[in-house]
């Protein structure tokens, strides 16, 4: 019995310390309120025929309101079309358990910025801020992501997420399917 109690205590202690700590890129409290944002994590990377696209997620909390910041970067020597976010834009997250979680874009139009680099590539950078609906936090904590769908002002794009990939951009290993399981606690 004593061994069972010791084993249980060890496993519980190991579990507590094995959980990933929250890493914030911003954590500010001032007279206007509080704001904190997790570091950006790459969720998707596509490289094909001289065109690359990247999607990064970060979670933020502004005065207790959690949001998901989505940054998209498209890089090409050809023209890259602008996909705009507006008040009707949505982010659909399909979980491995079959449920679909919907996030709503804030009421702010954004078509991104086009930047030409010194190698002749056009880089389109667009950021969207999505709000969680009241009831979808619990599902995101429990089930991995299998796919995301982004509804823009005039277009819709689907992204099937890999369980794990090594980025060609920075050679880091990313596990996008567990993004919310590992990070949502940082903005609760």
N, C-alpha and C. Protein backbone atom coordinates (compact mmCIF):
# COMPACT_ATOMS: atom_id res chain seq x y z
N UNK A 1 0.82 -1.19 0.00
CA UNK A 1 0.00 0.00 0.00
C UNK A 1 0.87 1.26 0.00
N UNK A 2 1.93 1.21 0.80
CA UNK A 2 2.83 2.36 0.89
C UNK A 2 3.49 2.63 -0.47
N UNK A 3 3.83 1.53 -1.19
CA UNK A 3 4.43 1.67 -2.52
C UNK A 3 3.46 2.29 -3.51
N UNK A 4 2.20 1.91 -3.41
CA UNK A 4 1.17 2.45 -4.29
C UNK A 4 1.00 3.96 -4.06
N UNK A 5 0.99 4.36 -2.81
CA UNK A 5 0.87 5.79 -2.50
C UNK A 5 2.08 6.55 -3.01
N UNK A 6 3.27 5.99 -2.82
CA UNK A 6 4.50 6.63 -3.30
C UNK A 6 4.49 6.74 -4.82
N UNK A 7 4.08 5.68 -5.51
CA UNK A 7 4.02 5.68 -6.96
C UNK A 7 3.01 6.72 -7.46
N UNK A 8 1.86 6.77 -6.84
CA UNK A 8 0.84 7.74 -7.22
C UNK A 8 1.35 9.17 -7.03
N UNK A 9 1.98 9.43 -5.89
CA UNK A 9 2.54 10.76 -5.63
C UNK A 9 3.59 11.12 -6.67
N UNK A 10 4.46 10.16 -7.02
CA UNK A 10 5.51 10.40 -8.02
C UNK A 10 4.90 10.73 -9.38
N UNK A 11 3.91 9.96 -9.80
CA UNK A 11 3.28 10.20 -11.09
C UNK A 11 2.57 11.54 -11.14
N UNK A 12 1.87 11.91 -10.07
CA UNK A 12 1.20 13.20 -10.04
C UNK A 12 2.21 14.35 -10.07
N UNK A 13 3.28 14.23 -9.33
CA UNK A 13 4.32 15.25 -9.31
C UNK A 13 4.98 15.36 -10.68
N UNK A 14 5.28 14.23 -11.31
CA UNK A 14 5.90 14.22 -12.64
C UNK A 14 4.98 14.88 -13.65
N UNK A 15 3.69 14.57 -13.57
CA UNK A 15 2.71 15.15 -14.49
C UNK A 15 2.64 16.67 -14.35
N UNK A 16 2.70 17.17 -13.13
CA UNK A 16 2.64 18.62 -12.91
C UNK A 16 3.86 19.32 -13.51
N UNK A 17 5.03 18.72 -13.34
CA UNK A 17 6.24 19.36 -13.83
C UNK A 17 6.49 19.10 -15.31
N UNK A 18 5.85 18.09 -15.88
CA UNK A 18 6.05 17.76 -17.29
C UNK A 18 5.24 18.68 -18.21
N UNK A 19 4.23 19.36 -17.65
CA UNK A 19 3.43 20.24 -18.49
C UNK A 19 4.26 21.43 -18.96
N UNK A 20 4.02 21.82 -20.17
CA UNK A 20 4.75 22.93 -20.78
C UNK A 20 4.34 24.26 -20.14
N UNK A 21 5.35 25.06 -19.78
CA UNK A 21 5.08 26.38 -19.22
C UNK A 21 4.64 27.33 -20.32
N UNK A 22 3.91 28.36 -19.93
CA UNK A 22 3.49 29.38 -20.88
C UNK A 22 4.66 30.31 -21.17
N UNK A 23 4.89 30.55 -22.46
CA UNK A 23 5.92 31.50 -22.87
C UNK A 23 5.21 32.68 -23.54
N UNK A 24 5.41 33.87 -22.97
CA UNK A 24 4.74 35.05 -23.49
C UNK A 24 5.74 35.94 -24.23
N UNK A 25 5.29 36.50 -25.34
CA UNK A 25 6.09 37.51 -26.03
C UNK A 25 5.77 38.89 -25.48
N UNK A 26 4.55 39.04 -24.92
CA UNK A 26 4.12 40.29 -24.28
C UNK A 26 3.34 39.92 -23.03
N UNK A 27 3.61 40.63 -21.92
CA UNK A 27 2.86 40.44 -20.69
C UNK A 27 2.89 41.76 -19.94
N UNK A 28 1.84 42.59 -20.14
CA UNK A 28 1.84 43.96 -19.64
C UNK A 28 0.59 44.21 -18.81
N UNK A 29 0.78 44.87 -17.67
CA UNK A 29 -0.33 45.39 -16.88
C UNK A 29 0.00 46.85 -16.59
N UNK A 30 -0.93 47.72 -16.96
CA UNK A 30 -0.74 49.15 -16.71
C UNK A 30 -2.08 49.79 -16.36
N UNK A 31 -2.13 51.09 -16.37
CA UNK A 31 -3.35 51.80 -15.99
C UNK A 31 -4.51 51.56 -16.97
N UNK A 32 -4.19 51.13 -18.18
CA UNK A 32 -5.24 50.86 -19.18
C UNK A 32 -5.81 49.46 -19.07
N UNK A 33 -5.08 48.54 -18.43
CA UNK A 33 -5.55 47.17 -18.29
C UNK A 33 -4.41 46.18 -18.41
N UNK A 34 -4.77 44.95 -18.77
CA UNK A 34 -3.75 43.91 -18.93
C UNK A 34 -3.80 43.33 -20.33
N UNK A 35 -2.63 42.95 -20.81
CA UNK A 35 -2.52 42.31 -22.12
C UNK A 35 -1.35 41.33 -22.06
N UNK A 36 -1.62 40.12 -22.50
CA UNK A 36 -0.54 39.15 -22.63
C UNK A 36 -0.78 38.33 -23.88
N UNK A 37 0.33 37.95 -24.51
CA UNK A 37 0.27 37.20 -25.76
C UNK A 37 1.37 36.14 -25.75
N UNK A 38 0.99 34.92 -26.15
CA UNK A 38 1.98 33.85 -26.21
C UNK A 38 2.88 34.05 -27.43
N UNK A 39 4.00 33.37 -27.44
CA UNK A 39 4.88 33.42 -28.60
C UNK A 39 4.18 32.76 -29.79
N UNK A 40 4.52 33.23 -30.99
CA UNK A 40 3.93 32.66 -32.20
C UNK A 40 4.48 31.26 -32.46
N UNK A 41 3.59 30.37 -32.88
CA UNK A 41 3.95 29.00 -33.22
C UNK A 41 3.48 28.73 -34.64
N UNK A 42 4.37 28.14 -35.47
CA UNK A 42 3.99 27.82 -36.84
C UNK A 42 3.01 26.64 -36.83
N UNK A 43 1.91 26.82 -37.53
CA UNK A 43 0.85 25.82 -37.60
C UNK A 43 0.87 25.10 -38.95
N UNK A 44 1.23 25.83 -39.98
CA UNK A 44 1.23 25.26 -41.33
C UNK A 44 2.34 25.89 -42.15
N UNK A 45 2.93 25.06 -43.02
CA UNK A 45 3.95 25.53 -43.95
C UNK A 45 3.76 24.78 -45.26
N UNK A 46 3.68 25.56 -46.35
CA UNK A 46 3.58 24.97 -47.68
C UNK A 46 4.65 25.60 -48.55
N UNK A 47 5.42 24.78 -49.23
CA UNK A 47 6.41 25.25 -50.20
C UNK A 47 6.20 24.46 -51.48
N UNK A 48 5.87 25.17 -52.56
CA UNK A 48 5.63 24.48 -53.82
C UNK A 48 5.86 25.44 -54.97
N UNK A 49 6.67 25.04 -55.92
CA UNK A 49 6.90 25.77 -57.18
C UNK A 49 7.27 27.25 -56.96
N UNK A 50 8.17 27.48 -56.03
CA UNK A 50 8.65 28.84 -55.80
C UNK A 50 7.73 29.73 -54.98
N UNK A 51 6.67 29.14 -54.45
CA UNK A 51 5.74 29.88 -53.60
C UNK A 51 5.73 29.22 -52.22
N UNK A 52 5.78 30.04 -51.19
CA UNK A 52 5.73 29.53 -49.82
C UNK A 52 4.62 30.24 -49.06
N UNK A 53 3.99 29.50 -48.16
CA UNK A 53 3.00 30.13 -47.27
C UNK A 53 3.16 29.55 -45.88
N UNK A 54 2.97 30.43 -44.90
CA UNK A 54 3.14 30.06 -43.50
C UNK A 54 1.97 30.61 -42.70
N UNK A 55 1.53 29.83 -41.70
CA UNK A 55 0.50 30.28 -40.78
C UNK A 55 1.06 30.13 -39.37
N UNK A 56 0.93 31.21 -38.60
CA UNK A 56 1.38 31.23 -37.22
C UNK A 56 0.19 31.54 -36.32
N UNK A 57 0.12 30.87 -35.17
CA UNK A 57 -0.89 31.15 -34.16
C UNK A 57 -0.21 31.72 -32.92
N UNK A 58 -0.89 32.64 -32.26
CA UNK A 58 -0.54 33.03 -30.90
C UNK A 58 -1.84 33.34 -30.17
N UNK A 59 -1.86 33.04 -28.90
CA UNK A 59 -3.04 33.32 -28.08
C UNK A 59 -2.81 34.60 -27.30
N UNK A 60 -3.84 35.39 -27.16
CA UNK A 60 -3.72 36.65 -26.42
C UNK A 60 -4.90 36.77 -25.45
N UNK A 61 -4.67 37.57 -24.42
CA UNK A 61 -5.74 37.89 -23.48
C UNK A 61 -5.67 39.37 -23.19
N UNK A 62 -6.78 40.06 -23.47
CA UNK A 62 -6.89 41.49 -23.22
C UNK A 62 -7.97 41.72 -22.18
N UNK A 63 -7.56 42.16 -21.01
CA UNK A 63 -8.50 42.40 -19.91
C UNK A 63 -9.45 41.22 -19.71
N UNK A 64 -8.92 40.00 -19.76
CA UNK A 64 -9.70 38.80 -19.51
C UNK A 64 -10.35 38.19 -20.73
N UNK A 65 -10.32 38.85 -21.88
CA UNK A 65 -10.92 38.33 -23.11
C UNK A 65 -9.87 37.58 -23.92
N UNK A 66 -10.00 36.26 -24.06
CA UNK A 66 -9.02 35.51 -24.85
C UNK A 66 -9.31 35.61 -26.35
N UNK A 67 -8.26 35.71 -27.15
CA UNK A 67 -8.38 35.74 -28.61
C UNK A 67 -7.27 34.90 -29.22
N UNK A 68 -7.46 34.55 -30.47
CA UNK A 68 -6.45 33.85 -31.25
C UNK A 68 -5.97 34.79 -32.34
N UNK A 69 -4.67 35.05 -32.35
CA UNK A 69 -4.06 35.87 -33.40
C UNK A 69 -3.53 34.92 -34.47
N UNK A 70 -3.92 35.16 -35.70
CA UNK A 70 -3.49 34.33 -36.83
C UNK A 70 -2.69 35.22 -37.76
N UNK A 71 -1.44 34.85 -38.00
CA UNK A 71 -0.61 35.60 -38.93
C UNK A 71 -0.30 34.70 -40.12
N UNK A 72 -0.56 35.23 -41.31
CA UNK A 72 -0.32 34.48 -42.54
C UNK A 72 0.72 35.22 -43.36
N UNK A 73 1.68 34.47 -43.87
CA UNK A 73 2.71 35.04 -44.73
C UNK A 73 2.74 34.23 -46.02
N UNK A 74 2.61 34.92 -47.14
CA UNK A 74 2.73 34.28 -48.45
C UNK A 74 3.88 34.93 -49.17
N UNK A 75 4.74 34.10 -49.74
CA UNK A 75 5.96 34.58 -50.38
C UNK A 75 6.05 33.98 -51.78
N UNK A 76 6.20 34.87 -52.79
CA UNK A 76 6.26 34.39 -54.17
C UNK A 76 6.88 35.47 -55.06
N UNK A 77 7.45 35.04 -56.17
CA UNK A 77 7.91 36.01 -57.17
C UNK A 77 6.77 36.41 -58.09
N UNK A 78 5.68 35.62 -58.08
CA UNK A 78 4.47 35.95 -58.82
C UNK A 78 3.56 36.79 -57.92
N UNK A 79 2.54 37.36 -58.54
CA UNK A 79 1.57 38.15 -57.79
C UNK A 79 0.88 37.27 -56.74
N UNK A 80 0.75 37.78 -55.53
CA UNK A 80 -0.01 37.07 -54.49
C UNK A 80 -1.28 37.86 -54.19
N UNK A 81 -2.40 37.20 -54.33
CA UNK A 81 -3.67 37.90 -54.12
C UNK A 81 -3.88 38.19 -52.64
N UNK A 82 -4.62 39.23 -52.38
CA UNK A 82 -4.93 39.61 -51.01
C UNK A 82 -6.20 38.89 -50.56
N UNK A 83 -6.10 38.19 -49.46
CA UNK A 83 -7.26 37.61 -48.80
C UNK A 83 -7.56 38.47 -47.59
N UNK A 84 -8.69 39.15 -47.62
CA UNK A 84 -9.01 40.12 -46.58
C UNK A 84 -9.86 39.50 -45.48
N UNK A 85 -9.61 39.93 -44.25
CA UNK A 85 -10.47 39.61 -43.13
C UNK A 85 -11.44 40.76 -42.93
N UNK A 86 -12.68 40.42 -42.57
CA UNK A 86 -13.66 41.44 -42.21
C UNK A 86 -14.52 40.90 -41.07
N UNK A 87 -15.56 41.62 -40.71
CA UNK A 87 -16.39 41.23 -39.58
C UNK A 87 -17.11 39.89 -39.80
N UNK A 88 -17.25 39.44 -41.05
CA UNK A 88 -17.91 38.17 -41.34
C UNK A 88 -16.93 37.00 -41.48
N UNK A 89 -15.64 37.27 -41.36
CA UNK A 89 -14.64 36.20 -41.48
C UNK A 89 -14.72 35.27 -40.28
N UNK A 90 -14.41 34.01 -40.52
CA UNK A 90 -14.46 33.00 -39.47
C UNK A 90 -13.28 32.05 -39.62
N UNK A 91 -12.93 31.43 -38.51
CA UNK A 91 -11.93 30.37 -38.50
C UNK A 91 -12.62 29.14 -37.94
N UNK A 92 -12.68 28.10 -38.75
CA UNK A 92 -13.29 26.84 -38.33
C UNK A 92 -12.16 25.87 -38.01
N UNK A 93 -12.25 25.26 -36.84
CA UNK A 93 -11.24 24.30 -36.41
C UNK A 93 -11.91 22.95 -36.27
N UNK A 94 -11.49 21.98 -37.10
CA UNK A 94 -12.04 20.64 -36.97
C UNK A 94 -11.12 19.84 -36.06
N UNK A 95 -11.70 19.28 -35.02
CA UNK A 95 -10.94 18.49 -34.06
C UNK A 95 -10.94 17.03 -34.44
N UNK A 96 -9.99 16.29 -33.91
CA UNK A 96 -9.89 14.86 -34.20
C UNK A 96 -11.10 14.07 -33.72
N UNK A 97 -11.81 14.61 -32.73
CA UNK A 97 -13.01 13.91 -32.23
C UNK A 97 -14.24 14.20 -33.10
N UNK A 98 -14.06 14.96 -34.20
CA UNK A 98 -15.15 15.23 -35.13
C UNK A 98 -15.87 16.56 -34.90
N UNK A 99 -15.66 17.17 -33.76
CA UNK A 99 -16.33 18.44 -33.47
C UNK A 99 -15.67 19.57 -34.25
N UNK A 100 -16.48 20.59 -34.55
CA UNK A 100 -15.98 21.78 -35.24
C UNK A 100 -16.19 22.98 -34.33
N UNK A 101 -15.10 23.70 -34.10
CA UNK A 101 -15.12 24.89 -33.26
C UNK A 101 -15.03 26.11 -34.17
N UNK A 102 -15.89 27.08 -33.96
CA UNK A 102 -15.91 28.29 -34.79
C UNK A 102 -15.43 29.48 -33.99
N UNK A 103 -14.50 30.23 -34.58
CA UNK A 103 -14.02 31.48 -34.00
C UNK A 103 -14.43 32.61 -34.94
N UNK A 104 -14.79 33.75 -34.37
CA UNK A 104 -15.32 34.88 -35.14
C UNK A 104 -14.28 36.00 -35.17
N UNK A 105 -14.08 36.56 -36.36
CA UNK A 105 -13.12 37.66 -36.51
C UNK A 105 -13.67 38.93 -35.88
N UNK A 106 -12.77 39.73 -35.33
CA UNK A 106 -13.21 41.01 -34.75
C UNK A 106 -13.71 41.92 -35.87
N UNK A 107 -14.40 42.95 -35.50
CA UNK A 107 -15.00 43.87 -36.48
C UNK A 107 -13.95 44.87 -36.98
N UNK A 108 -13.00 44.35 -37.74
CA UNK A 108 -11.93 45.20 -38.27
C UNK A 108 -11.45 44.60 -39.60
N UNK A 109 -11.52 45.37 -40.66
CA UNK A 109 -11.09 44.86 -41.96
C UNK A 109 -9.56 44.92 -42.07
N UNK A 110 -8.99 43.86 -42.63
CA UNK A 110 -7.54 43.79 -42.78
C UNK A 110 -7.21 42.98 -44.03
N UNK A 111 -6.47 43.59 -44.95
CA UNK A 111 -6.04 42.90 -46.17
C UNK A 111 -4.53 42.65 -46.17
N UNK A 112 -3.88 43.02 -45.11
CA UNK A 112 -2.46 42.75 -44.99
C UNK A 112 -1.60 43.80 -45.68
N UNK A 113 -0.33 43.50 -45.72
CA UNK A 113 0.67 44.40 -46.29
C UNK A 113 1.52 43.63 -47.27
N UNK A 114 1.85 44.25 -48.38
CA UNK A 114 2.72 43.63 -49.38
C UNK A 114 4.11 44.26 -49.26
N UNK A 115 5.10 43.40 -49.07
CA UNK A 115 6.48 43.85 -48.89
C UNK A 115 7.36 43.12 -49.90
N UNK A 116 8.15 43.86 -50.68
CA UNK A 116 9.08 43.24 -51.62
C UNK A 116 10.44 43.14 -50.93
N UNK A 117 11.02 41.92 -50.95
CA UNK A 117 12.33 41.76 -50.31
C UNK A 117 13.47 41.94 -51.32
N UNK A 118 14.70 41.88 -50.85
CA UNK A 118 15.86 42.13 -51.70
C UNK A 118 16.15 41.02 -52.71
N UNK A 119 15.43 39.89 -52.61
CA UNK A 119 15.60 38.79 -53.56
C UNK A 119 14.51 38.79 -54.63
N UNK A 120 13.67 39.82 -54.63
CA UNK A 120 12.62 39.93 -55.64
C UNK A 120 11.33 39.22 -55.30
N UNK A 121 11.17 38.75 -54.07
CA UNK A 121 9.95 38.08 -53.65
C UNK A 121 8.96 39.09 -53.11
N UNK A 122 7.69 38.89 -53.46
CA UNK A 122 6.61 39.64 -52.83
C UNK A 122 6.16 38.86 -51.61
N UNK A 123 6.14 39.51 -50.48
CA UNK A 123 5.72 38.90 -49.22
C UNK A 123 4.44 39.58 -48.75
N UNK A 124 3.36 38.83 -48.71
CA UNK A 124 2.10 39.39 -48.22
C UNK A 124 1.91 38.89 -46.79
N UNK A 125 1.80 39.84 -45.87
CA UNK A 125 1.64 39.53 -44.45
C UNK A 125 0.27 40.02 -44.02
N UNK A 126 -0.52 39.12 -43.45
CA UNK A 126 -1.86 39.47 -42.99
C UNK A 126 -2.10 38.88 -41.61
N UNK A 127 -2.69 39.66 -40.74
CA UNK A 127 -2.97 39.21 -39.38
C UNK A 127 -4.45 39.37 -39.10
N UNK A 128 -5.02 38.32 -38.52
CA UNK A 128 -6.42 38.36 -38.11
C UNK A 128 -6.54 38.02 -36.64
N UNK A 129 -7.50 38.66 -35.98
CA UNK A 129 -7.75 38.40 -34.56
C UNK A 129 -9.14 37.78 -34.45
N UNK A 130 -9.18 36.58 -33.87
CA UNK A 130 -10.42 35.82 -33.77
C UNK A 130 -10.82 35.62 -32.31
N UNK A 131 -12.11 35.77 -32.06
CA UNK A 131 -12.65 35.60 -30.71
C UNK A 131 -13.23 34.20 -30.55
N UNK A 132 -13.03 33.65 -29.36
CA UNK A 132 -13.60 32.35 -29.02
C UNK A 132 -15.05 32.55 -28.62
N UNK A 133 -15.84 31.55 -28.95
CA UNK A 133 -17.22 31.57 -28.48
C UNK A 133 -17.22 30.94 -27.08
N UNK A 134 -18.19 31.26 -26.30
CA UNK A 134 -18.21 30.91 -24.88
C UNK A 134 -18.01 29.42 -24.61
N UNK A 135 -18.60 28.57 -25.43
CA UNK A 135 -18.64 27.15 -25.11
C UNK A 135 -17.54 26.30 -25.76
N UNK A 136 -16.59 26.89 -26.49
CA UNK A 136 -15.67 26.02 -27.21
C UNK A 136 -14.29 25.84 -26.59
N UNK A 137 -14.06 26.41 -25.43
CA UNK A 137 -12.77 26.24 -24.76
C UNK A 137 -12.52 24.78 -24.35
N UNK A 138 -13.51 24.16 -23.76
CA UNK A 138 -13.33 22.81 -23.24
C UNK A 138 -12.97 21.80 -24.33
N UNK A 139 -13.62 21.90 -25.48
CA UNK A 139 -13.31 20.98 -26.59
C UNK A 139 -11.88 21.18 -27.08
N UNK A 140 -11.41 22.41 -27.12
CA UNK A 140 -10.05 22.69 -27.59
C UNK A 140 -8.99 22.15 -26.63
N UNK A 141 -9.31 22.05 -25.36
CA UNK A 141 -8.37 21.53 -24.36
C UNK A 141 -8.18 20.03 -24.47
N UNK A 142 -9.16 19.34 -25.03
CA UNK A 142 -9.19 17.88 -24.96
C UNK A 142 -8.83 17.15 -26.25
N UNK A 143 -9.05 17.76 -27.39
CA UNK A 143 -8.89 17.04 -28.65
C UNK A 143 -7.93 17.76 -29.59
N UNK A 144 -7.05 17.00 -30.26
CA UNK A 144 -6.13 17.61 -31.23
C UNK A 144 -6.87 18.19 -32.43
N UNK A 145 -6.19 19.10 -33.14
CA UNK A 145 -6.72 19.72 -34.35
C UNK A 145 -6.39 18.84 -35.53
N UNK A 146 -7.34 18.66 -36.45
CA UNK A 146 -7.02 17.91 -37.67
C UNK A 146 -7.03 18.81 -38.91
N UNK A 147 -7.83 19.89 -38.86
CA UNK A 147 -7.94 20.75 -40.03
C UNK A 147 -8.44 22.13 -39.62
N UNK A 148 -8.04 23.15 -40.38
CA UNK A 148 -8.63 24.47 -40.17
C UNK A 148 -9.14 24.99 -41.51
N UNK A 149 -10.20 25.76 -41.43
CA UNK A 149 -10.77 26.42 -42.61
C UNK A 149 -10.87 27.91 -42.27
N UNK A 150 -10.34 28.73 -43.17
CA UNK A 150 -10.38 30.16 -42.96
C UNK A 150 -11.31 30.76 -44.01
N UNK A 151 -12.35 31.45 -43.54
CA UNK A 151 -13.29 32.14 -44.42
C UNK A 151 -12.91 33.61 -44.45
N UNK A 152 -12.47 34.05 -45.61
CA UNK A 152 -12.10 35.44 -45.82
C UNK A 152 -13.30 36.21 -46.35
N UNK A 153 -13.09 37.46 -46.68
CA UNK A 153 -14.12 38.30 -47.26
C UNK A 153 -14.66 37.70 -48.56
N UNK A 154 -13.75 37.21 -49.43
CA UNK A 154 -14.18 36.72 -50.75
C UNK A 154 -13.73 35.29 -51.06
N UNK A 155 -13.09 34.61 -50.14
CA UNK A 155 -12.54 33.29 -50.43
C UNK A 155 -12.56 32.43 -49.17
N UNK A 156 -12.37 31.13 -49.36
CA UNK A 156 -12.24 30.19 -48.26
C UNK A 156 -11.07 29.26 -48.57
N UNK A 157 -10.24 29.00 -47.56
CA UNK A 157 -9.10 28.09 -47.74
C UNK A 157 -9.10 27.06 -46.63
N UNK A 158 -8.75 25.82 -46.99
CA UNK A 158 -8.63 24.72 -46.03
C UNK A 158 -7.18 24.35 -45.86
N UNK A 159 -6.83 23.98 -44.63
CA UNK A 159 -5.48 23.54 -44.31
C UNK A 159 -5.58 22.27 -43.47
N UNK A 160 -5.07 21.17 -44.01
CA UNK A 160 -5.00 19.92 -43.26
C UNK A 160 -3.70 19.99 -42.46
N UNK A 161 -3.82 19.87 -41.15
CA UNK A 161 -2.65 20.02 -40.30
C UNK A 161 -1.95 18.69 -40.09
N UNK A 162 -0.64 18.75 -40.15
CA UNK A 162 0.17 17.57 -39.88
C UNK A 162 0.29 17.39 -38.38
N UNK A 163 0.50 16.17 -37.99
CA UNK A 163 0.70 15.90 -36.57
C UNK A 163 2.02 16.51 -36.11
N UNK A 164 3.01 16.44 -37.00
CA UNK A 164 4.33 16.97 -36.69
C UNK A 164 5.05 17.26 -38.01
N UNK A 165 5.82 18.34 -38.05
CA UNK A 165 6.63 18.62 -39.22
C UNK A 165 7.87 19.40 -38.82
N UNK A 166 8.90 19.27 -39.64
CA UNK A 166 10.11 20.05 -39.47
C UNK A 166 10.07 21.16 -40.51
N UNK A 167 10.11 22.40 -40.04
CA UNK A 167 9.97 23.55 -40.92
C UNK A 167 11.21 23.72 -41.80
N UNK A 168 10.96 24.01 -43.07
CA UNK A 168 12.06 24.35 -43.98
C UNK A 168 12.57 25.76 -43.70
N UNK A 169 11.75 26.59 -43.07
CA UNK A 169 12.10 27.97 -42.79
C UNK A 169 13.14 28.09 -41.68
N UNK A 170 12.92 27.37 -40.56
CA UNK A 170 13.82 27.51 -39.42
C UNK A 170 14.34 26.18 -38.85
N UNK A 171 14.02 25.07 -39.51
CA UNK A 171 14.47 23.72 -39.11
C UNK A 171 14.01 23.31 -37.72
N UNK A 172 12.95 23.93 -37.20
CA UNK A 172 12.39 23.53 -35.91
C UNK A 172 11.27 22.52 -36.14
N UNK A 173 11.05 21.68 -35.13
CA UNK A 173 9.97 20.71 -35.18
C UNK A 173 8.73 21.33 -34.54
N UNK A 174 7.61 21.27 -35.26
CA UNK A 174 6.34 21.81 -34.78
C UNK A 174 5.32 20.69 -34.69
N UNK A 175 4.44 20.79 -33.68
CA UNK A 175 3.35 19.84 -33.48
C UNK A 175 2.03 20.63 -33.42
N UNK A 176 1.52 21.02 -34.58
CA UNK A 176 0.34 21.89 -34.60
C UNK A 176 -0.94 21.25 -34.10
N UNK A 177 -1.04 19.94 -34.17
CA UNK A 177 -2.30 19.31 -33.77
C UNK A 177 -2.59 19.49 -32.28
N UNK A 178 -1.57 19.66 -31.46
CA UNK A 178 -1.75 19.83 -30.02
C UNK A 178 -1.64 21.29 -29.57
N UNK A 179 -1.73 22.22 -30.50
CA UNK A 179 -1.52 23.62 -30.17
C UNK A 179 -2.41 24.09 -29.02
N UNK A 180 -3.71 23.86 -29.12
CA UNK A 180 -4.62 24.34 -28.08
C UNK A 180 -4.49 23.53 -26.80
N UNK A 181 -4.29 22.23 -26.92
CA UNK A 181 -4.13 21.38 -25.73
C UNK A 181 -2.96 21.90 -24.89
N UNK A 182 -1.89 22.31 -25.53
CA UNK A 182 -0.69 22.75 -24.81
C UNK A 182 -0.74 24.23 -24.41
N UNK A 183 -1.49 25.06 -25.12
CA UNK A 183 -1.37 26.51 -24.92
C UNK A 183 -2.61 27.24 -24.42
N UNK A 184 -3.78 26.67 -24.51
CA UNK A 184 -4.98 27.44 -24.17
C UNK A 184 -5.01 27.83 -22.70
N UNK A 185 -4.34 27.04 -21.86
CA UNK A 185 -4.29 27.37 -20.44
C UNK A 185 -3.61 28.72 -20.18
N UNK A 186 -2.83 29.19 -21.14
CA UNK A 186 -2.08 30.44 -21.00
C UNK A 186 -2.96 31.68 -21.06
N UNK A 187 -4.19 31.55 -21.54
CA UNK A 187 -5.07 32.72 -21.65
C UNK A 187 -6.42 32.51 -20.94
N UNK A 188 -6.50 31.52 -20.10
CA UNK A 188 -7.76 31.28 -19.36
C UNK A 188 -7.89 32.23 -18.21
